[in-house]
């Protein structure tokens, strides 16, 4: 049997987060009775992957806190 050569890992790659296919969602308890769900509508960022050293990989995310949406305008204004 001949040895099988392992492929050389690819170079570091960076991907841009696509806000049309990504989301930042949350849920919190309100007065122990209800669960409030919401999201942030504006986000951006990138993911950099180093396949030779996964610990060297990074995620950079920016979430616009003013874009909070809990489907309740008064609550959103209060949270902003």
Protein backbone atom coordinates (compact mmCIF):
# COMPACT_ATOMS: atom_id res chain seq x y z
CA UNK A 1 0.00 0.00 0.00
CA UNK A 2 1.24 3.43 -0.83
CA UNK A 3 0.75 6.30 1.58
CA UNK A 4 -2.08 8.70 0.83
CA UNK A 5 -1.01 12.30 0.67
CA UNK A 6 -3.17 14.59 2.76
CA UNK A 7 -4.36 17.73 1.00
CA UNK A 8 -2.74 20.99 1.95
CA UNK A 9 -5.18 23.15 3.93
CA UNK A 10 -6.57 26.10 2.05
CA UNK A 11 -5.43 29.60 2.86
CA UNK A 12 -7.31 31.84 5.25
CA UNK A 13 -10.68 32.91 3.81
CA UNK A 14 -13.07 35.67 4.78
CA UNK A 15 -16.82 35.75 4.26
CA UNK A 16 -19.10 38.76 4.64
CA UNK A 17 -22.25 38.21 6.69
CA UNK A 18 -25.25 38.53 4.37
CA UNK A 19 -28.03 40.34 6.28
CA UNK A 20 -30.64 39.00 3.85
CA UNK A 21 -29.82 35.46 4.99
CA UNK A 22 -28.84 36.13 8.62
CA UNK A 23 -30.64 37.31 11.71
CA UNK A 24 -30.16 38.37 15.32
CA UNK A 25 -33.16 37.23 17.37
CA UNK A 26 -33.81 37.19 21.12
CA UNK A 27 -36.42 36.27 23.70
CA UNK A 28 -36.73 37.51 27.28
CA UNK A 29 -39.18 36.87 30.10
CA UNK A 30 -41.41 39.83 31.01
CA UNK A 31 -42.88 39.85 34.53
CA UNK A 32 -42.49 36.05 34.62
CA UNK A 33 -45.75 35.81 32.66
CA UNK A 34 -44.88 36.42 29.05
CA UNK A 35 -41.99 35.88 26.70
CA UNK A 36 -41.12 38.88 24.57
CA UNK A 37 -39.48 38.01 21.26
CA UNK A 38 -37.69 40.41 19.00
CA UNK A 39 -34.92 40.97 16.55
CA UNK A 40 -32.44 43.53 15.33
CA UNK A 41 -33.06 44.46 11.70
CA UNK A 42 -29.63 45.86 10.81
CA UNK A 43 -26.45 43.83 11.12
CA UNK A 44 -23.15 43.43 9.34
CA UNK A 45 -19.88 41.66 9.82
CA UNK A 46 -17.49 39.01 8.62
CA UNK A 47 -16.13 35.57 9.43
CA UNK A 48 -12.46 34.78 8.84
CA UNK A 49 -11.50 31.11 8.86
CA UNK A 50 -7.95 29.82 9.14
CA UNK A 51 -8.20 26.05 8.48
CA UNK A 52 -4.61 25.53 9.63
CA UNK A 53 -5.29 27.16 13.02
CA UNK A 54 -8.98 27.28 13.96
CA UNK A 55 -8.11 29.17 17.15
CA UNK A 56 -6.88 31.96 14.89
CA UNK A 57 -10.26 32.25 13.17
CA UNK A 58 -12.40 35.29 13.98
CA UNK A 59 -15.96 36.56 13.83
CA UNK A 60 -16.65 40.30 13.63
CA UNK A 61 -20.29 41.33 14.05
CA UNK A 62 -21.94 44.74 14.27
CA UNK A 63 -25.55 44.96 15.43
CA UNK A 64 -27.32 48.31 15.23
CA UNK A 65 -29.08 48.48 18.62
CA UNK A 66 -31.41 51.21 17.30
CA UNK A 67 -32.86 48.68 14.84
CA UNK A 68 -34.56 46.71 17.65
CA UNK A 69 -38.00 45.37 16.70
CA UNK A 70 -40.28 43.69 19.24
CA UNK A 71 -43.40 44.44 17.21
CA UNK A 72 -44.45 47.02 19.81
CA UNK A 73 -43.48 50.60 18.89
CA UNK A 74 -43.70 52.01 22.46
CA UNK A 75 -41.53 49.23 23.87
CA UNK A 76 -39.00 49.63 21.05
CA UNK A 77 -38.78 53.37 21.73
CA UNK A 78 -38.31 52.71 25.44
CA UNK A 79 -35.54 50.20 24.78
CA UNK A 80 -33.76 52.56 22.40
